[in-house]
Amino acid sequence: MIQSFFSLTAVNASKKQSPLQVDSQGALIVSEGSSSVLNITAATVVKATPGRLVHVSVIVAGSTAGSANDCLTTGAAAVANQFAVIPATAGQLPPFQWPCAVGIVIVPGTGQTLAVSYT
């Protein structure tokens, strides 16, 4: 069977190819069990259930630092539930698997554009 040169597939945990998929919120599943949210420029609920934040990239630098919070709503994001500071400078934070008991809210700093992946 001839497949298109531009076939969009991913390799799953069993080392077999499978078509790319999106989750129930329309986010691209970037690896088995992982999803991503791109172009975050305002406080965003990334996941409204327990999960893990895996990667954070600062695509556009800002004038202030941002934060990652373990809460359910953007209004609930506060120092008390903050688990990471997102630096104002462009670049990728080292990968981590931070467990969130409530949910994942990302608050970019002033002028920042962020991209994150989570499970």
PDB file of N, CA and C in Angstrom:
ATOM      1  N   MET A   1       0.840  -1.170   0.000  1.00  0.00           N
ATOM      2  CA  MET A   1       0.000   0.000   0.000  1.00  0.00           C
ATOM      3  C   MET A   1       0.885   1.233   0.000  1.00  0.00           C
ATOM      4  N   ILE A   2       0.640   2.179  -0.859  1.00  0.00           N
ATOM      5  CA  ILE A   2       1.418   3.414  -0.937  1.00  0.00           C
ATOM      6  C   ILE A   2       0.828   4.433   0.018  1.00  0.00           C
ATOM      7  N   GLN A   3       1.691   5.012   0.832  1.00  0.00           N
ATOM      8  CA  GLN A   3       1.247   6.037   1.762  1.00  0.00           C
ATOM      9  C   GLN A   3       1.745   7.384   1.298  1.00  0.00           C
ATOM     10  N   SER A   4       1.023   8.400   1.665  1.00  0.00           N
ATOM     11  CA  SER A   4       1.410   9.762   1.316  1.00  0.00           C
ATOM     12  C   SER A   4       2.738  10.109   1.972  1.00  0.00           C
ATOM     13  N   PHE A   5       3.559  10.861   1.261  1.00  0.00           N
ATOM     14  CA  PHE A   5       4.829  11.326   1.804  1.00  0.00           C
ATOM     15  C   PHE A   5       4.598  12.202   3.024  1.00  0.00           C
ATOM     16  N   PHE A   6       3.462  12.888   3.068  1.00  0.00           N
ATOM     17  CA  PHE A   6       3.157  13.812   4.159  1.00  0.00           C
ATOM     18  C   PHE A   6       2.229  13.199   5.195  1.00  0.00           C
ATOM     19  N   SER A   7       2.208  11.895   5.303  1.00  0.00           N
ATOM     20  CA  SER A   7       1.380  11.215   6.285  1.00  0.00           C
ATOM     21  C   SER A   7       1.799  11.643   7.686  1.00  0.00           C
ATOM     22  N   LEU A   8       0.831  12.034   8.501  1.00  0.00           N
ATOM     23  CA  LEU A   8       1.119  12.482   9.853  1.00  0.00           C
ATOM     24  C   LEU A   8       0.910  11.339  10.823  1.00  0.00           C
ATOM     25  N   THR A   9       2.010  10.765  11.293  1.00  0.00           N
ATOM     26  CA  THR A   9       1.938   9.655  12.231  1.00  0.00           C
ATOM     27  C   THR A   9       2.908   9.892  13.373  1.00  0.00           C
ATOM     28  N   ALA A  10       2.690   9.162  14.436  1.00  0.00           N
ATOM     29  CA  ALA A  10       3.569   9.211  15.598  1.00  0.00           C
ATOM     30  C   ALA A  10       3.916   7.778  15.969  1.00  0.00           C
ATOM     31  N   VAL A  11       4.963   7.605  16.740  1.00  0.00           N
ATOM     32  CA  VAL A  11       5.346   6.284  17.225  1.00  0.00           C
ATOM     33  C   VAL A  11       4.841   6.163  18.652  1.00  0.00           C
ATOM     34  N   ASN A  12       4.051   5.126  18.924  1.00  0.00           N
ATOM     35  CA  ASN A  12       3.498   4.949  20.263  1.00  0.00           C
ATOM     36  C   ASN A  12       4.468   4.163  21.155  1.00  0.00           C
ATOM     37  N   ALA A  13       4.047   3.900  22.390  1.00  0.00           N
ATOM     38  CA  ALA A  13       4.919   3.221  23.355  1.00  0.00           C
ATOM     39  C   ALA A  13       5.297   1.812  22.909  1.00  0.00           C
ATOM     40  N   SER A  14       4.497   1.203  22.050  1.00  0.00           N
ATOM     41  CA  SER A  14       4.793  -0.133  21.535  1.00  0.00           C
ATOM     42  C   SER A  14       5.685  -0.088  20.304  1.00  0.00           C
ATOM     43  N   LYS A  15       6.212   1.103  19.982  1.00  0.00           N
ATOM     44  CA  LYS A  15       7.098   1.318  18.829  1.00  0.00           C
ATOM     45  C   LYS A  15       6.377   1.076  17.499  1.00  0.00           C
ATOM     46  N   LYS A  16       5.056   1.258  17.490  1.00  0.00           N
ATOM     47  CA  LYS A  16       4.274   1.127  16.265  1.00  0.00           C
ATOM     48  C   LYS A  16       3.743   2.497  15.877  1.00  0.00           C
ATOM     49  N   GLN A  17       3.623   2.739  14.572  1.00  0.00           N
ATOM     50  CA  GLN A  17       3.109   4.017  14.109  1.00  0.00           C
ATOM     51  C   GLN A  17       1.597   4.075  14.292  1.00  0.00           C
ATOM     52  N   SER A  18       1.139   5.264  14.662  1.00  0.00           N
ATOM     53  CA  SER A  18      -0.294   5.504  14.779  1.00  0.00           C
ATOM     54  C   SER A  18      -0.574   6.940  14.353  1.00  0.00           C
ATOM     55  N   PRO A  19      -1.786   7.237  13.869  1.00  0.00           N
ATOM     56  CA  PRO A  19      -2.089   8.598  13.419  1.00  0.00           C
ATOM     57  C   PRO A  19      -2.057   9.587  14.578  1.00  0.00           C
ATOM     58  N   LEU A  20      -1.692  10.844  14.282  1.00  0.00           N
ATOM     59  CA  LEU A  20      -1.727  11.877  15.305  1.00  0.00           C
ATOM     60  C   LEU A  20      -3.164  12.106  15.741  1.00  0.00           C
ATOM     61  N   GLN A  21      -3.330  12.446  17.012  1.00  0.00           N
ATOM     62  CA  GLN A  21      -4.672  12.625  17.565  1.00  0.00           C
ATOM     63  C   GLN A  21      -4.722  13.867  18.431  1.00  0.00           C
ATOM     64  N   VAL A  22      -5.946  14.333  18.705  1.00  0.00           N
ATOM     65  CA  VAL A  22      -6.157  15.443  19.639  1.00  0.00           C
ATOM     66  C   VAL A  22      -6.966  14.924  20.814  1.00  0.00           C
ATOM     67  N   ASP A  23      -6.818  15.591  21.966  1.00  0.00           N
ATOM     68  CA  ASP A  23      -7.581  15.185  23.139  1.00  0.00           C
ATOM     69  C   ASP A  23      -8.971  15.808  23.110  1.00  0.00           C
ATOM     70  N   SER A  24      -9.749  15.606  24.173  1.00  0.00           N
ATOM     71  CA  SER A  24     -11.129  16.087  24.216  1.00  0.00           C
ATOM     72  C   SER A  24     -11.235  17.610  24.176  1.00  0.00           C
ATOM     73  N   GLN A  25     -10.137  18.325  24.477  1.00  0.00           N
ATOM     74  CA  GLN A  25     -10.137  19.786  24.445  1.00  0.00           C
ATOM     75  C   GLN A  25      -9.559  20.325  23.141  1.00  0.00           C
ATOM     76  N   GLY A  26      -9.221  19.432  22.205  1.00  0.00           N
ATOM     77  CA  GLY A  26      -8.686  19.855  20.916  1.00  0.00           C
ATOM     78  C   GLY A  26      -7.189  20.065  20.906  1.00  0.00           C
ATOM     79  N   ALA A  27      -6.500  19.764  22.010  1.00  0.00           N
ATOM     80  CA  ALA A  27      -5.044  19.917  22.070  1.00  0.00           C
ATOM     81  C   ALA A  27      -4.370  18.709  21.422  1.00  0.00           C
ATOM     82  N   LEU A  28      -3.310  18.954  20.684  1.00  0.00           N
ATOM     83  CA  LEU A  28      -2.571  17.886  20.030  1.00  0.00           C
ATOM     84  C   LEU A  28      -1.909  17.000  21.071  1.00  0.00           C
ATOM     85  N   ILE A  29      -2.109  15.692  20.942  1.00  0.00           N
ATOM     86  CA  ILE A  29      -1.434  14.733  21.817  1.00  0.00           C
ATOM     87  C   ILE A  29      -0.046  14.551  21.241  1.00  0.00           C
ATOM     88  N   VAL A  30       0.982  15.041  21.963  1.00  0.00           N
ATOM     89  CA  VAL A  30       2.335  15.070  21.431  1.00  0.00           C
ATOM     90  C   VAL A  30       3.110  13.785  21.684  1.00  0.00           C
ATOM     91  N   SER A  31       2.716  12.988  22.611  1.00  0.00           N
ATOM     92  CA  SER A  31       3.249  11.650  22.811  1.00  0.00           C
ATOM     93  C   SER A  31       2.197  10.899  23.599  1.00  0.00           C
ATOM     94  N   GLU A  32       2.349   9.609  23.718  1.00  0.00           N
ATOM     95  CA  GLU A  32       1.303   8.843  24.361  1.00  0.00           C
ATOM     96  C   GLU A  32       1.013   9.414  25.738  1.00  0.00           C
ATOM     97  N   GLY A  33      -0.206   9.890  25.942  1.00  0.00           N
ATOM     98  CA  GLY A  33      -0.618  10.442  27.210  1.00  0.00           C
ATOM     99  C   GLY A  33      -0.266  11.900  27.417  1.00  0.00           C
ATOM    100  N   SER A  34       0.416  12.551  26.486  1.00  0.00           N
ATOM    101  CA  SER A  34       0.796  13.947  26.644  1.00  0.00           C
ATOM    102  C   SER A  34       0.031  14.836  25.674  1.00  0.00           C
ATOM    103  N   SER A  35      -0.193  16.073  26.088  1.00  0.00           N
ATOM    104  CA  SER A  35      -0.852  17.062  25.243  1.00  0.00           C
ATOM    105  C   SER A  35      -0.077  18.364  25.351  1.00  0.00           C
ATOM    106  N   SER A  36      -0.396  19.309  24.468  1.00  0.00           N
ATOM    107  CA  SER A  36       0.285  20.595  24.521  1.00  0.00           C
ATOM    108  C   SER A  36      -0.702  21.732  24.329  1.00  0.00           C
ATOM    109  N   VAL A  37      -0.323  22.891  24.851  1.00  0.00           N
ATOM    110  CA  VAL A  37      -1.059  24.126  24.617  1.00  0.00           C
ATOM    111  C   VAL A  37      -0.025  25.134  24.141  1.00  0.00           C
ATOM    112  N   LEU A  38      -0.286  25.743  22.984  1.00  0.00           N
ATOM    113  CA  LEU A  38       0.638  26.679  22.366  1.00  0.00           C
ATOM    114  C   LEU A  38       0.074  28.091  22.405  1.00  0.00           C
ATOM    115  N   ASN A  39       0.948  29.080  22.241  1.00  0.00           N
ATOM    116  CA  ASN A  39       0.550  30.480  22.103  1.00  0.00           C
ATOM    117  C   ASN A  39      -0.226  30.988  23.311  1.00  0.00           C
ATOM    118  N   ILE A  40       0.265  30.701  24.511  1.00  0.00           N
ATOM    119  CA  ILE A  40      -0.383  31.182  25.732  1.00  0.00           C
ATOM    120  C   ILE A  40       0.095  32.614  25.982  1.00  0.00           C
ATOM    121  N   THR A  41      -0.824  33.571  25.912  1.00  0.00           N
ATOM    122  CA  THR A  41      -0.486  34.981  26.140  1.00  0.00           C
ATOM    123  C   THR A  41      -1.284  35.583  27.293  1.00  0.00           C
ATOM    124  N   ALA A  42      -2.207  34.827  27.850  1.00  0.00           N
ATOM    125  CA  ALA A  42      -3.009  35.263  29.002  1.00  0.00           C
ATOM    126  C   ALA A  42      -3.160  34.068  29.932  1.00  0.00           C
ATOM    127  N   ALA A  43      -3.530  34.322  31.185  1.00  0.00           N
ATOM    128  CA  ALA A  43      -3.718  33.240  32.145  1.00  0.00           C
ATOM    129  C   ALA A  43      -4.643  32.186  31.548  1.00  0.00           C
ATOM    130  N   THR A  44      -4.213  30.913  31.608  1.00  0.00           N
ATOM    131  CA  THR A  44      -4.919  29.825  30.919  1.00  0.00           C
ATOM    132  C   THR A  44      -5.002  28.594  31.807  1.00  0.00           C
ATOM    133  N   VAL A  45      -6.201  28.003  31.868  1.00  0.00           N
ATOM    134  CA  VAL A  45      -6.365  26.696  32.506  1.00  0.00           C
ATOM    135  C   VAL A  45      -5.907  25.669  31.477  1.00  0.00           C
ATOM    136  N   VAL A  46      -4.769  25.066  31.728  1.00  0.00           N
ATOM    137  CA  VAL A  46      -4.213  24.071  30.816  1.00  0.00           C
ATOM    138  C   VAL A  46      -4.902  22.728  31.038  1.00  0.00           C
ATOM    139  N   LYS A  47      -5.147  22.390  32.295  1.00  0.00           N
ATOM    140  CA  LYS A  47      -5.830  21.132  32.631  1.00  0.00           C
ATOM    141  C   LYS A  47      -6.628  21.351  33.904  1.00  0.00           C
ATOM    142  N   ALA A  48      -7.917  21.039  33.867  1.00  0.00           N
ATOM    143  CA  ALA A  48      -8.803  21.261  35.016  1.00  0.00           C
ATOM    144  C   ALA A  48      -8.989  20.003  35.853  1.00  0.00           C
ATOM    145  N   THR A  49      -8.031  19.088  35.763  1.00  0.00           N
ATOM    146  CA  THR A  49      -8.018  17.875  36.574  1.00  0.00           C
ATOM    147  C   THR A  49      -6.567  17.618  36.987  1.00  0.00           C
ATOM    148  N   PRO A  50      -6.335  16.734  37.959  1.00  0.00           N
ATOM    149  CA  PRO A  50      -4.954  16.442  38.348  1.00  0.00           C
ATOM    150  C   PRO A  50      -4.120  15.973  37.152  1.00  0.00           C
ATOM    151  N   GLY A  51      -2.845  16.303  37.165  1.00  0.00           N
ATOM    152  CA  GLY A  51      -1.947  15.900  36.083  1.00  0.00           C
ATOM    153  C   GLY A  51      -0.517  16.296  36.389  1.00  0.00           C
ATOM    154  N   ARG A  52       0.311  16.340  35.360  1.00  0.00           N
ATOM    155  CA  ARG A  52       1.718  16.710  35.506  1.00  0.00           C
ATOM    156  C   ARG A  52       2.093  17.705  34.418  1.00  0.00           C
ATOM    157  N   LEU A  53       2.780  18.765  34.819  1.00  0.00           N
ATOM    158  CA  LEU A  53       3.349  19.692  33.848  1.00  0.00           C
ATOM    159  C   LEU A  53       4.714  19.141  33.469  1.00  0.00           C
ATOM    160  N   VAL A  54       4.981  19.026  32.167  1.00  0.00           N
ATOM    161  CA  VAL A  54       6.191  18.363  31.694  1.00  0.00           C
ATOM    162  C   VAL A  54       7.208  19.348  31.130  1.00  0.00           C
ATOM    163  N   HIS A  55       6.799  20.224  30.200  1.00  0.00           N
ATOM    164  CA  HIS A  55       7.709  21.187  29.577  1.00  0.00           C
ATOM    165  C   HIS A  55       7.083  22.572  29.547  1.00  0.00           C
ATOM    166  N   VAL A  56       7.930  23.584  29.674  1.00  0.00           N
ATOM    167  CA  VAL A  56       7.511  24.974  29.501  1.00  0.00           C
ATOM    168  C   VAL A  56       8.554  25.652  28.627  1.00  0.00           C
ATOM    169  N   SER A  57       8.091  26.316  27.557  1.00  0.00           N
ATOM    170  CA  SER A  57       8.971  27.096  26.690  1.00  0.00           C
ATOM    171  C   SER A  57       8.483  28.531  26.654  1.00  0.00           C
ATOM    172  N   VAL A  58       9.416  29.467  26.831  1.00  0.00           N
ATOM    173  CA  VAL A  58       9.103  30.883  26.672  1.00  0.00           C
ATOM    174  C   VAL A  58       9.428  31.212  25.224  1.00  0.00           C
ATOM    175  N   ILE A  59       8.400  31.388  24.415  1.00  0.00           N
ATOM    176  CA  ILE A  59       8.560  31.642  22.986  1.00  0.00           C
ATOM    177  C   ILE A  59       8.908  33.111  22.745  1.00  0.00           C
ATOM    178  N   VAL A  60       8.197  34.003  23.431  1.00  0.00           N
ATOM    179  CA  VAL A  60       8.458  35.444  23.347  1.00  0.00           C
ATOM    180  C   VAL A  60       8.745  35.938  24.762  1.00  0.00           C
ATOM    181  N   ALA A  61       9.896  36.581  24.941  1.00  0.00           N
ATOM    182  CA  ALA A  61      10.279  37.103  26.254  1.00  0.00           C
ATOM    183  C   ALA A  61       9.307  38.189  26.693  1.00  0.00           C
ATOM    184  N   GLY A  62       9.217  38.393  27.986  1.00  0.00           N
ATOM    185  CA  GLY A  62       8.345  39.427  28.532  1.00  0.00           C
ATOM    186  C   GLY A  62       9.115  40.348  29.463  1.00  0.00           C
ATOM    187  N   SER A  63       8.401  41.283  30.046  1.00  0.00           N
ATOM    188  CA  SER A  63       9.040  42.213  30.970  1.00  0.00           C
ATOM    189  C   SER A  63       8.942  41.744  32.418  1.00  0.00           C
ATOM    190  N   THR A  64       8.097  40.740  32.682  1.00  0.00           N
ATOM    191  CA  THR A  64       8.002  40.143  34.020  1.00  0.00           C
ATOM    192  C   THR A  64       7.951  38.627  33.880  1.00  0.00           C
ATOM    193  N   ALA A  65       8.236  37.933  34.965  1.00  0.00           N
ATOM    194  CA  ALA A  65       8.186  36.469  34.986  1.00  0.00           C
ATOM    195  C   ALA A  65       6.745  35.993  35.073  1.00  0.00           C
ATOM    196  N   GLY A  66       6.511  34.769  34.614  1.00  0.00           N
ATOM    197  CA  GLY A  66       5.198  34.146  34.714  1.00  0.00           C
ATOM    198  C   GLY A  66       5.201  33.099  35.808  1.00  0.00           C
ATOM    199  N   SER A  67       4.113  32.339  35.899  1.00  0.00           N
ATOM    200  CA  SER A  67       4.045  31.306  36.928  1.00  0.00           C
ATOM    201  C   SER A  67       3.245  30.104  36.455  1.00  0.00           C
ATOM    202  N   ALA A  68       3.498  28.969  37.098  1.00  0.00           N
ATOM    203  CA  ALA A  68       2.721  27.750  36.921  1.00  0.00           C
ATOM    204  C   ALA A  68       2.090  27.448  38.275  1.00  0.00           C
ATOM    205  N   ASN A  69       0.780  27.188  38.261  1.00  0.00           N
ATOM    206  CA  ASN A  69       0.042  27.037  39.510  1.00  0.00           C
ATOM    207  C   ASN A  69      -0.773  25.757  39.525  1.00  0.00           C
ATOM    208  N   ASP A  70      -0.929  25.183  40.709  1.00  0.00           N
ATOM    209  CA  ASP A  70      -1.731  23.984  40.921  1.00  0.00           C
ATOM    210  C   ASP A  70      -3.095  24.426  41.443  1.00  0.00           C
ATOM    211  N   CYS A  71      -4.021  24.730  40.521  1.00  0.00           N
ATOM    212  CA  CYS A  71      -5.365  25.185  40.887  1.00  0.00           C
ATOM    213  C   CYS A  71      -6.310  24.932  39.717  1.00  0.00           C
ATOM    214  N   LEU A  72      -7.598  25.250  39.892  1.00  0.00           N
ATOM    215  CA  LEU A  72      -8.598  24.963  38.866  1.00  0.00           C
ATOM    216  C   LEU A  72      -8.964  26.132  37.966  1.00  0.00           C
ATOM    217  N   THR A  73      -8.798  27.361  38.445  1.00  0.00           N
ATOM    218  CA  THR A  73      -9.221  28.531  37.668  1.00  0.00           C
ATOM    219  C   THR A  73      -8.115  29.565  37.615  1.00  0.00           C
ATOM    220  N   THR A  74      -8.182  30.438  36.624  1.00  0.00           N
ATOM    221  CA  THR A  74      -7.181  31.505  36.519  1.00  0.00           C
ATOM    222  C   THR A  74      -7.294  32.457  37.702  1.00  0.00           C
ATOM    223  N   GLY A  75      -8.498  32.670  38.213  1.00  0.00           N
ATOM    224  CA  GLY A  75      -8.698  33.543  39.368  1.00  0.00           C
ATOM    225  C   GLY A  75      -8.122  32.974  40.655  1.00  0.00           C
ATOM    226  N   ALA A  76      -7.942  31.668  40.713  1.00  0.00           N
ATOM    227  CA  ALA A  76      -7.404  31.022  41.915  1.00  0.00           C
ATOM    228  C   ALA A  76      -5.878  31.007  41.937  1.00  0.00           C
ATOM    229  N   ALA A  77      -5.229  31.361  40.827  1.00  0.00           N
ATOM    230  CA  ALA A  77      -3.760  31.341  40.773  1.00  0.00           C
ATOM    231  C   ALA A  77      -3.196  32.365  41.761  1.00  0.00           C
ATOM    232  N   ALA A  78      -2.354  31.879  42.665  1.00  0.00           N
ATOM    233  CA  ALA A  78      -1.778  32.733  43.718  1.00  0.00           C
ATOM    234  C   ALA A  78      -0.434  32.160  44.143  1.00  0.00           C
ATOM    235  N   VAL A  79       0.302  32.929  44.920  1.00  0.00           N
ATOM    236  CA  VAL A  79       1.600  32.477  45.413  1.00  0.00           C
ATOM    237  C   VAL A  79       1.448  31.185  46.218  1.00  0.00           C
ATOM    238  N   ALA A  80       0.344  31.016  46.908  1.00  0.00           N
ATOM    239  CA  ALA A  80       0.128  29.837  47.751  1.00  0.00           C
ATOM    240  C   ALA A  80       0.069  28.539  46.951  1.00  0.00           C
ATOM    241  N   ASN A  81      -0.318  28.602  45.660  1.00  0.00           N
ATOM    242  CA  ASN A  81      -0.391  27.364  44.868  1.00  0.00           C
ATOM    243  C   ASN A  81       0.568  27.389  43.679  1.00  0.00           C
ATOM    244  N   GLN A  82       1.479  28.329  43.684  1.00  0.00           N
ATOM    245  CA  GLN A  82       2.482  28.421  42.611  1.00  0.00           C
ATOM    246  C   GLN A  82       3.561  27.370  42.830  1.00  0.00           C
ATOM    247  N   PHE A  83       3.919  26.634  41.770  1.00  0.00           N
ATOM    248  CA  PHE A  83       4.983  25.636  41.906  1.00  0.00           C
ATOM    249  C   PHE A  83       6.170  25.895  40.989  1.00  0.00           C
ATOM    250  N   ALA A  84       6.075  26.881  40.101  1.00  0.00           N
ATOM    251  CA  ALA A  84       7.214  27.213  39.244  1.00  0.00           C
ATOM    252  C   ALA A  84       7.147  28.669  38.824  1.00  0.00           C
ATOM    253  N   VAL A  85       8.322  29.272  38.736  1.00  0.00           N
ATOM    254  CA  VAL A  85       8.454  30.608  38.172  1.00  0.00           C
ATOM    255  C   VAL A  85       8.919  30.433  36.738  1.00  0.00           C
ATOM    256  N   ILE A  86       8.234  31.101  35.826  1.00  0.00           N
ATOM    257  CA  ILE A  86       8.601  31.036  34.408  1.00  0.00           C
ATOM    258  C   ILE A  86       9.384  32.303  34.099  1.00  0.00           C
ATOM    259  N   PRO A  87      10.697  32.196  33.838  1.00  0.00           N
ATOM    260  CA  PRO A  87      11.522  33.388  33.655  1.00  0.00           C
ATOM    261  C   PRO A  87      11.047  34.253  32.492  1.00  0.00           C
ATOM    262  N   ALA A  88      11.333  35.542  32.580  1.00  0.00           N
ATOM    263  CA  ALA A  88      10.905  36.497  31.553  1.00  0.00           C
ATOM    264  C   ALA A  88      11.663  36.304  30.240  1.00  0.00           C
ATOM    265  N   THR A  89      12.828  35.684  30.275  1.00  0.00           N
ATOM    266  CA  THR A  89      13.659  35.534  29.080  1.00  0.00           C
ATOM    267  C   THR A  89      13.210  34.351  28.223  1.00  0.00           C
ATOM    268  N   ALA A  90      13.434  34.447  26.913  1.00  0.00           N
ATOM    269  CA  ALA A  90      13.050  33.378  25.988  1.00  0.00           C
ATOM    270  C   ALA A  90      13.929  32.153  26.198  1.00  0.00           C
ATOM    271  N   GLY A  91      13.354  30.986  26.015  1.00  0.00           N
ATOM    272  CA  GLY A  91      14.088  29.730  26.139  1.00  0.00           C
ATOM    273  C   GLY A  91      13.200  28.658  26.718  1.00  0.00           C
ATOM    274  N   GLN A  92      13.755  27.466  26.838  1.00  0.00           N
ATOM    275  CA  GLN A  92      13.011  26.324  27.361  1.00  0.00           C
ATOM    276  C   GLN A  92      13.514  25.988  28.746  1.00  0.00           C
ATOM    277  N   LEU A  93      12.583  25.802  29.689  1.00  0.00           N
ATOM    278  CA  LEU A  93      12.951  25.349  31.018  1.00  0.00           C
ATOM    279  C   LEU A  93      13.366  23.885  30.926  1.00  0.00           C
ATOM    280  N   PRO A  94      14.242  23.430  31.804  1.00  0.00           N
ATOM    281  CA  PRO A  94      14.598  22.007  31.805  1.00  0.00           C
ATOM    282  C   PRO A  94      13.333  21.168  32.004  1.00  0.00           C
ATOM    283  N   PRO A  95      13.236  20.003  31.368  1.00  0.00           N
ATOM    284  CA  PRO A  95      12.026  19.183  31.526  1.00  0.00           C
ATOM    285  C   PRO A  95      11.845  18.738  32.975  1.00  0.00           C
ATOM    286  N   PHE A  96      10.602  18.662  33.384  1.00  0.00           N
ATOM    287  CA  PHE A  96      10.293  18.188  34.724  1.00  0.00           C
ATOM    288  C   PHE A  96       8.936  17.516  34.697  1.00  0.00           C
ATOM    289  N   GLN A  97       8.630  16.768  35.728  1.00  0.00           N
ATOM    290  CA  GLN A  97       7.363  16.051  35.855  1.00  0.00           C
ATOM    291  C   GLN A  97       6.707  16.495  37.154  1.00  0.00           C
ATOM    292  N   TRP A  98       6.230  17.745  37.190  1.00  0.00           N
ATOM    293  CA  TRP A  98       5.664  18.270  38.433  1.00  0.00           C
ATOM    294  C   TRP A  98       4.232  17.780  38.603  1.00  0.00           C
ATOM    295  N   PRO A  99       3.961  17.033  39.677  1.00  0.00           N
ATOM    296  CA  PRO A  99       2.601  16.537  39.894  1.00  0.00           C
ATOM    297  C   PRO A  99       1.695  17.642  40.435  1.00  0.00           C
ATOM    298  N   CYS A 100       0.521  17.777  39.850  1.00  0.00           N
ATOM    299  CA  CYS A 100      -0.463  18.766  40.284  1.00  0.00           C
ATOM    300  C   CYS A 100      -1.687  18.018  40.802  1.00  0.00           C
ATOM    301  N   ALA A 101      -2.056  18.269  42.047  1.00  0.00           N
ATOM    302  CA  ALA A 101      -3.157  17.550  42.676  1.00  0.00           C
ATOM    303  C   ALA A 101      -4.523  18.090  42.268  1.00  0.00           C
ATOM    304  N   VAL A 102      -4.585  19.353  41.827  1.00  0.00           N
ATOM    305  CA  VAL A 102      -5.872  19.986  41.531  1.00  0.00           C
ATOM    306  C   VAL A 102      -6.049  20.228  40.036  1.00  0.00           C
ATOM    307  N   GLY A 103      -5.131  20.938  39.419  1.00  0.00           N
ATOM    308  CA  GLY A 103      -5.189  21.273  37.997  1.00  0.00           C
ATOM    309  C   GLY A 103      -3.949  22.070  37.628  1.00  0.00           C
ATOM    310  N   ILE A 104      -3.836  22.458  36.357  1.00  0.00           N
ATOM    311  CA  ILE A 104      -2.664  23.210  35.903  1.00  0.00           C
ATOM    312  C   ILE A 104      -3.122  24.523  35.287  1.00  0.00           C
ATOM    313  N   VAL A 105      -2.671  25.633  35.878  1.00  0.00           N
ATOM    314  CA  VAL A 105      -2.949  26.967  35.359  1.00  0.00           C
ATOM    315  C   VAL A 105      -1.615  27.631  35.055  1.00  0.00           C
ATOM    316  N   ILE A 106      -1.476  28.177  33.851  1.00  0.00           N
ATOM    317  CA  ILE A 106      -0.269  28.882  33.440  1.00  0.00           C
ATOM    318  C   ILE A 106      -0.595  30.370  33.338  1.00  0.00           C
ATOM    319  N   VAL A 107       0.221  31.193  34.003  1.00  0.00           N
ATOM    320  CA  VAL A 107       0.046  32.645  33.971  1.00  0.00           C
ATOM    321  C   VAL A 107       1.312  33.247  33.370  1.00  0.00           C
ATOM    322  N   PRO A 108       1.250  33.693  32.102  1.00  0.00           N
ATOM    323  CA  PRO A 108       2.450  34.289  31.498  1.00  0.00           C
ATOM    324  C   PRO A 108       2.727  35.662  32.101  1.00  0.00           C
ATOM    325  N   GLY A 109       4.009  36.038  32.091  1.00  0.00           N
ATOM    326  CA  GLY A 109       4.377  37.373  32.527  1.00  0.00           C
ATOM    327  C   GLY A 109       3.957  38.392  31.470  1.00  0.00           C
ATOM    328  N   THR A 110       4.051  39.658  31.793  1.00  0.00           N
ATOM    329  CA  THR A 110       3.675  40.718  30.866  1.00  0.00           C
ATOM    330  C   THR A 110       4.452  40.604  29.562  1.00  0.00           C
ATOM    331  N   GLY A 111       3.739  40.475  28.451  1.00  0.00           N
ATOM    332  CA  GLY A 111       4.365  40.389  27.131  1.00  0.00           C
ATOM    333  C   GLY A 111       4.846  39.016  26.726  1.00  0.00           C
ATOM    334  N   GLN A 112       4.753  38.021  27.604  1.00  0.00           N
ATOM    335  CA  GLN A 112       5.249  36.677  27.276  1.00  0.00           C
ATOM    336  C   GLN A 112       4.290  35.894  26.388  1.00  0.00           C
ATOM    337  N   THR A 113       4.872  35.010  25.570  1.00  0.00           N
ATOM    338  CA  THR A 113       4.121  33.972  24.865  1.00  0.00           C
ATOM    339  C   THR A 113       4.762  32.653  25.260  1.00  0.00           C
ATOM    340  N   LEU A 114       3.931  31.716  25.746  1.00  0.00           N
ATOM    341  CA  LEU A 114       4.435  30.454  26.269  1.00  0.00           C
ATOM    342  C   LEU A 114       3.850  29.268  25.513  1.00  0.00           C
ATOM    343  N   ALA A 115       4.536  28.132  25.599  1.00  0.00           N
ATOM    344  CA  ALA A 115       4.040  26.850  25.118  1.00  0.00           C
ATOM    345  C   ALA A 115       4.339  25.828  26.203  1.00  0.00           C
ATOM    346  N   VAL A 116       3.380  24.923  26.481  1.00  0.00           N
ATOM    347  CA  VAL A 116       3.570  23.928  27.525  1.00  0.00           C
ATOM    348  C   VAL A 116       3.116  22.554  27.035  1.00  0.00           C
ATOM    349  N   SER A 117       3.656  21.523  27.644  1.00  0.00           N
ATOM    350  CA  SER A 117       3.123  20.172  27.462  1.00  0.00           C
ATOM    351  C   SER A 117       2.845  19.606  28.840  1.00  0.00           C
ATOM    352  N   TYR A 118       1.851  18.706  28.884  1.00  0.00           N
ATOM    353  CA  TYR A 118       1.389  18.172  30.161  1.00  0.00           C
ATOM    354  C   TYR A 118       0.785  16.794  29.948  1.00  0.00           C
ATOM    355  N   THR A 119       0.596  16.083  31.060  1.00  0.00           N
ATOM    356  CA  THR A 119      -0.100  14.793  31.014  1.00  0.00           C
ATOM    357  C   THR A 119      -1.255  14.834  31.966  1.00  0.00           C
TER     358      THR A 119
END
